[in-house]
Amino acid sequence: MVVALLKANKKPMAFPEIMATIQKKKLVKTKSANFANVLRRTISTSSKIKRVGRGVYRA
């Protein structure tokens, strides 16, 4: 889902932008107390998402 979001945007996105978009569009249903940590962990461990700057990612 995060990869699809980054590909659709076609530009690198900062982590707060990714988080805000997911929450605004309600793309993920979660029961996590701290979804930001879950998202950070997912992004950092994914081989399909590349870090292009401090807190900025692209697919």
PDB file of N, CA and C in Angstrom:
ATOM      1  N   MET A   1       0.816  -1.177   0.000  1.00  0.00           N
ATOM      2  CA  MET A   1       0.000   0.000   0.000  1.00  0.00           C
ATOM      3  C   MET A   1       0.865   1.247   0.000  1.00  0.00           C
ATOM      4  N   VAL A   2       1.916   1.273   0.798  1.00  0.00           N
ATOM      5  CA  VAL A   2       2.810   2.428   0.846  1.00  0.00           C
ATOM      6  C   VAL A   2       3.552   2.562  -0.482  1.00  0.00           C
ATOM      7  N   VAL A   3       3.951   1.449  -1.067  1.00  0.00           N
ATOM      8  CA  VAL A   3       4.643   1.475  -2.352  1.00  0.00           C
ATOM      9  C   VAL A   3       3.719   2.052  -3.423  1.00  0.00           C
ATOM     10  N   ALA A   4       2.473   1.630  -3.436  1.00  0.00           N
ATOM     11  CA  ALA A   4       1.504   2.146  -4.412  1.00  0.00           C
ATOM     12  C   ALA A   4       1.295   3.649  -4.221  1.00  0.00           C
ATOM     13  N   LEU A   5       1.241   4.097  -2.999  1.00  0.00           N
ATOM     14  CA  LEU A   5       1.080   5.522  -2.702  1.00  0.00           C
ATOM     15  C   LEU A   5       2.272   6.321  -3.221  1.00  0.00           C
ATOM     16  N   LEU A   6       3.475   5.820  -2.990  1.00  0.00           N
ATOM     17  CA  LEU A   6       4.681   6.515  -3.451  1.00  0.00           C
ATOM     18  C   LEU A   6       4.784   6.518  -4.976  1.00  0.00           C
ATOM     19  N   LYS A   7       4.407   5.423  -5.615  1.00  0.00           N
ATOM     20  CA  LYS A   7       4.437   5.364  -7.076  1.00  0.00           C
ATOM     21  C   LYS A   7       3.400   6.302  -7.685  1.00  0.00           C
ATOM     22  N   ALA A   8       2.238   6.401  -7.079  1.00  0.00           N
ATOM     23  CA  ALA A   8       1.187   7.284  -7.581  1.00  0.00           C
ATOM     24  C   ALA A   8       1.588   8.749  -7.469  1.00  0.00           C
ATOM     25  N   ASN A   9       2.356   9.090  -6.452  1.00  0.00           N
ATOM     26  CA  ASN A   9       2.776  10.474  -6.245  1.00  0.00           C
ATOM     27  C   ASN A   9       3.862  10.894  -7.223  1.00  0.00           C
ATOM     28  N   LYS A  10       4.684   9.950  -7.685  1.00  0.00           N
ATOM     29  CA  LYS A  10       5.754  10.166  -8.655  1.00  0.00           C
ATOM     30  C   LYS A  10       6.880  11.074  -8.178  1.00  0.00           C
ATOM     31  N   LYS A  11       6.796  11.595  -6.977  1.00  0.00           N
ATOM     32  CA  LYS A  11       7.864  12.391  -6.386  1.00  0.00           C
ATOM     33  C   LYS A  11       8.163  11.800  -5.017  1.00  0.00           C
ATOM     34  N   PRO A  12       9.367  11.980  -4.523  1.00  0.00           N
ATOM     35  CA  PRO A  12       9.657  11.523  -3.161  1.00  0.00           C
ATOM     36  C   PRO A  12       8.735  12.215  -2.153  1.00  0.00           C
ATOM     37  N   MET A  13       8.368  11.488  -1.119  1.00  0.00           N
ATOM     38  CA  MET A  13       7.490  12.020  -0.086  1.00  0.00           C
ATOM     39  C   MET A  13       8.175  11.936   1.272  1.00  0.00           C
ATOM     40  N   ALA A  14       7.942  12.942   2.090  1.00  0.00           N
ATOM     41  CA  ALA A  14       8.444  12.935   3.458  1.00  0.00           C
ATOM     42  C   ALA A  14       7.535  12.044   4.306  1.00  0.00           C
ATOM     43  N   PHE A  15       8.091  11.525   5.390  1.00  0.00           N
ATOM     44  CA  PHE A  15       7.315  10.636   6.251  1.00  0.00           C
ATOM     45  C   PHE A  15       6.006  11.278   6.734  1.00  0.00           C
ATOM     46  N   PRO A  16       6.012  12.549   7.200  1.00  0.00           N
ATOM     47  CA  PRO A  16       4.739  13.148   7.641  1.00  0.00           C
ATOM     48  C   PRO A  16       3.684  13.219   6.538  1.00  0.00           C
ATOM     49  N   GLU A  17       4.118  13.419   5.288  1.00  0.00           N
ATOM     50  CA  GLU A  17       3.184  13.432   4.160  1.00  0.00           C
ATOM     51  C   GLU A  17       2.563  12.051   3.957  1.00  0.00           C
ATOM     52  N   ILE A  18       3.397  11.027   4.028  1.00  0.00           N
ATOM     53  CA  ILE A  18       2.911   9.654   3.868  1.00  0.00           C
ATOM     54  C   ILE A  18       1.899   9.331   4.955  1.00  0.00           C
ATOM     55  N   MET A  19       2.261   9.648   6.181  1.00  0.00           N
ATOM     56  CA  MET A  19       1.391   9.381   7.338  1.00  0.00           C
ATOM     57  C   MET A  19       0.061  10.126   7.205  1.00  0.00           C
ATOM     58  N   ALA A  20       0.119  11.404   6.845  1.00  0.00           N
ATOM     59  CA  ALA A  20      -1.099  12.217   6.713  1.00  0.00           C
ATOM     60  C   ALA A  20      -2.007  11.686   5.603  1.00  0.00           C
ATOM     61  N   THR A  21      -1.419  11.286   4.496  1.00  0.00           N
ATOM     62  CA  THR A  21      -2.206  10.762   3.377  1.00  0.00           C
ATOM     63  C   THR A  21      -2.905   9.465   3.758  1.00  0.00           C
ATOM     64  N   ILE A  22      -2.191   8.589   4.425  1.00  0.00           N
ATOM     65  CA  ILE A  22      -2.782   7.315   4.853  1.00  0.00           C
ATOM     66  C   ILE A  22      -3.935   7.555   5.821  1.00  0.00           C
ATOM     67  N   GLN A  23      -3.745   8.465   6.762  1.00  0.00           N
ATOM     68  CA  GLN A  23      -4.803   8.742   7.736  1.00  0.00           C
ATOM     69  C   GLN A  23      -5.981   9.475   7.105  1.00  0.00           C
ATOM     70  N   LYS A  24      -5.711  10.428   6.224  1.00  0.00           N
ATOM     71  CA  LYS A  24      -6.778  11.210   5.602  1.00  0.00           C
ATOM     72  C   LYS A  24      -7.665  10.352   4.713  1.00  0.00           C
ATOM     73  N   LYS A  25      -7.028   9.482   3.921  1.00  0.00           N
ATOM     74  CA  LYS A  25      -7.782   8.623   3.005  1.00  0.00           C
ATOM     75  C   LYS A  25      -8.244   7.329   3.645  1.00  0.00           C
ATOM     76  N   LYS A  26      -7.868   7.116   4.910  1.00  0.00           N
ATOM     77  CA  LYS A  26      -8.234   5.908   5.653  1.00  0.00           C
ATOM     78  C   LYS A  26      -7.860   4.648   4.878  1.00  0.00           C
ATOM     79  N   LEU A  27      -6.596   4.589   4.460  1.00  0.00           N
ATOM     80  CA  LEU A  27      -6.105   3.466   3.663  1.00  0.00           C
ATOM     81  C   LEU A  27      -5.817   2.224   4.494  1.00  0.00           C
ATOM     82  N   VAL A  28      -5.620   2.389   5.796  1.00  0.00           N
ATOM     83  CA  VAL A  28      -5.270   1.261   6.658  1.00  0.00           C
ATOM     84  C   VAL A  28      -6.140   1.287   7.907  1.00  0.00           C
ATOM     85  N   LYS A  29      -6.687   0.120   8.243  1.00  0.00           N
ATOM     86  CA  LYS A  29      -7.385  -0.021   9.518  1.00  0.00           C
ATOM     87  C   LYS A  29      -6.399  -0.649  10.487  1.00  0.00           C
ATOM     88  N   THR A  30      -6.199  -0.016  11.624  1.00  0.00           N
ATOM     89  CA  THR A  30      -5.224  -0.525  12.578  1.00  0.00           C
ATOM     90  C   THR A  30      -5.738  -0.383  14.000  1.00  0.00           C
ATOM     91  N   LYS A  31      -5.283  -1.275  14.845  1.00  0.00           N
ATOM     92  CA  LYS A  31      -5.593  -1.196  16.266  1.00  0.00           C
ATOM     93  C   LYS A  31      -4.349  -0.814  17.049  1.00  0.00           C
ATOM     94  N   SER A  32      -3.290  -0.467  16.322  1.00  0.00           N
ATOM     95  CA  SER A  32      -2.028  -0.108  16.944  1.00  0.00           C
ATOM     96  C   SER A  32      -2.160   1.174  17.757  1.00  0.00           C
ATOM     97  N   ALA A  33      -1.541   1.194  18.921  1.00  0.00           N
ATOM     98  CA  ALA A  33      -1.555   2.385  19.761  1.00  0.00           C
ATOM     99  C   ALA A  33      -0.689   3.481  19.150  1.00  0.00           C
ATOM    100  N   ASN A  34       0.336   3.089  18.399  1.00  0.00           N
ATOM    101  CA  ASN A  34       1.229   4.063  17.780  1.00  0.00           C
ATOM    102  C   ASN A  34       1.500   3.630  16.341  1.00  0.00           C
ATOM    103  N   PHE A  35       0.588   3.991  15.448  1.00  0.00           N
ATOM    104  CA  PHE A  35       0.686   3.581  14.046  1.00  0.00           C
ATOM    105  C   PHE A  35       1.908   4.189  13.361  1.00  0.00           C
ATOM    106  N   ALA A  36       2.365   5.354  13.800  1.00  0.00           N
ATOM    107  CA  ALA A  36       3.540   5.994  13.204  1.00  0.00           C
ATOM    108  C   ALA A  36       4.762   5.091  13.324  1.00  0.00           C
ATOM    109  N   ASN A  37       4.932   4.445  14.460  1.00  0.00           N
ATOM    110  CA  ASN A  37       6.064   3.531  14.637  1.00  0.00           C
ATOM    111  C   ASN A  37       5.953   2.314  13.720  1.00  0.00           C
ATOM    112  N   VAL A  38       4.755   1.809  13.564  1.00  0.00           N
ATOM    113  CA  VAL A  38       4.532   0.665  12.679  1.00  0.00           C
ATOM    114  C   VAL A  38       4.886   1.056  11.241  1.00  0.00           C
ATOM    115  N   LEU A  39       4.450   2.237  10.826  1.00  0.00           N
ATOM    116  CA  LEU A  39       4.720   2.708   9.471  1.00  0.00           C
ATOM    117  C   LEU A  39       6.216   2.942   9.260  1.00  0.00           C
ATOM    118  N   ARG A  40       6.872   3.559  10.221  1.00  0.00           N
ATOM    119  CA  ARG A  40       8.330   3.782  10.117  1.00  0.00           C
ATOM    120  C   ARG A  40       9.075   2.463   9.966  1.00  0.00           C
ATOM    121  N   ARG A  41       8.689   1.487  10.749  1.00  0.00           N
ATOM    122  CA  ARG A  41       9.333   0.169  10.714  1.00  0.00           C
ATOM    123  C   ARG A  41       9.107  -0.499   9.360  1.00  0.00           C
ATOM    124  N   THR A  42       7.900  -0.402   8.841  1.00  0.00           N
ATOM    125  CA  THR A  42       7.570  -0.986   7.546  1.00  0.00           C
ATOM    126  C   THR A  42       8.393  -0.343   6.437  1.00  0.00           C
ATOM    127  N   ILE A  43       8.483   0.969   6.452  1.00  0.00           N
ATOM    128  CA  ILE A  43       9.235   1.692   5.422  1.00  0.00           C
ATOM    129  C   ILE A  43      10.725   1.356   5.506  1.00  0.00           C
ATOM    130  N   SER A  44      11.261   1.323   6.706  1.00  0.00           N
ATOM    131  CA  SER A  44      12.700   1.111   6.858  1.00  0.00           C
ATOM    132  C   SER A  44      13.133  -0.311   6.505  1.00  0.00           C
ATOM    133  N   THR A  45      12.246  -1.282   6.631  1.00  0.00           N
ATOM    134  CA  THR A  45      12.614  -2.663   6.347  1.00  0.00           C
ATOM    135  C   THR A  45      12.213  -3.120   4.945  1.00  0.00           C
ATOM    136  N   SER A  46      11.475  -2.305   4.218  1.00  0.00           N
ATOM    137  CA  SER A  46      11.030  -2.689   2.886  1.00  0.00           C
ATOM    138  C   SER A  46      12.160  -2.558   1.870  1.00  0.00           C
ATOM    139  N   SER A  47      12.281  -3.550   1.018  1.00  0.00           N
ATOM    140  CA  SER A  47      13.296  -3.495  -0.036  1.00  0.00           C
ATOM    141  C   SER A  47      12.789  -2.722  -1.249  1.00  0.00           C
ATOM    142  N   LYS A  48      11.500  -2.447  -1.310  1.00  0.00           N
ATOM    143  CA  LYS A  48      10.910  -1.745  -2.450  1.00  0.00           C
ATOM    144  C   LYS A  48      10.877  -0.228  -2.265  1.00  0.00           C
ATOM    145  N   ILE A  49      11.136   0.228  -1.062  1.00  0.00           N
ATOM    146  CA  ILE A  49      11.106   1.653  -0.764  1.00  0.00           C
ATOM    147  C   ILE A  49      12.529   2.119  -0.507  1.00  0.00           C
ATOM    148  N   LYS A  50      12.912   3.194  -1.209  1.00  0.00           N
ATOM    149  CA  LYS A  50      14.269   3.713  -1.082  1.00  0.00           C
ATOM    150  C   LYS A  50      14.265   5.045  -0.346  1.00  0.00           C
ATOM    151  N   ARG A  51      15.265   5.234   0.490  1.00  0.00           N
ATOM    152  CA  ARG A  51      15.431   6.496   1.218  1.00  0.00           C
ATOM    153  C   ARG A  51      16.254   7.424   0.331  1.00  0.00           C
ATOM    154  N   VAL A  52      15.732   8.625   0.049  1.00  0.00           N
ATOM    155  CA  VAL A  52      16.441   9.570  -0.810  1.00  0.00           C
ATOM    156  C   VAL A  52      16.948  10.787  -0.030  1.00  0.00           C
ATOM    157  N   GLY A  53      16.586  10.866   1.213  1.00  0.00           N
ATOM    158  CA  GLY A  53      17.024  11.964   2.080  1.00  0.00           C
ATOM    159  C   GLY A  53      16.564  11.679   3.484  1.00  0.00           C
ATOM    160  N   ARG A  54      16.837  12.594   4.378  1.00  0.00           N
ATOM    161  CA  ARG A  54      16.431  12.397   5.762  1.00  0.00           C
ATOM    162  C   ARG A  54      14.912  12.453   5.878  1.00  0.00           C
ATOM    163  N   GLY A  55      14.306  11.310   6.112  1.00  0.00           N
ATOM    164  CA  GLY A  55      12.856  11.217   6.249  1.00  0.00           C
ATOM    165  C   GLY A  55      12.099  11.333   4.939  1.00  0.00           C
ATOM    166  N   VAL A  56      12.785  11.184   3.804  1.00  0.00           N
ATOM    167  CA  VAL A  56      12.159  11.301   2.491  1.00  0.00           C
ATOM    168  C   VAL A  56      12.355   9.989   1.747  1.00  0.00           C
ATOM    169  N   TYR A  57      11.263   9.489   1.162  1.00  0.00           N
ATOM    170  CA  TYR A  57      11.286   8.169   0.538  1.00  0.00           C
ATOM    171  C   TYR A  57      10.641   8.192  -0.831  1.00  0.00           C
ATOM    172  N   ARG A  58      11.048   7.205  -1.671  1.00  0.00           N
ATOM    173  CA  ARG A  58      10.428   7.000  -2.973  1.00  0.00           C
ATOM    174  C   ARG A  58      10.348   5.503  -3.235  1.00  0.00           C
ATOM    175  N   ALA A  59       9.485   5.141  -4.178  1.00  0.00           N
ATOM    176  CA  ALA A  59       9.342   3.727  -4.521  1.00  0.00           C
ATOM    177  C   ALA A  59      10.197   3.382  -5.715  1.00  0.00           C
TER     178      ALA A  59
END
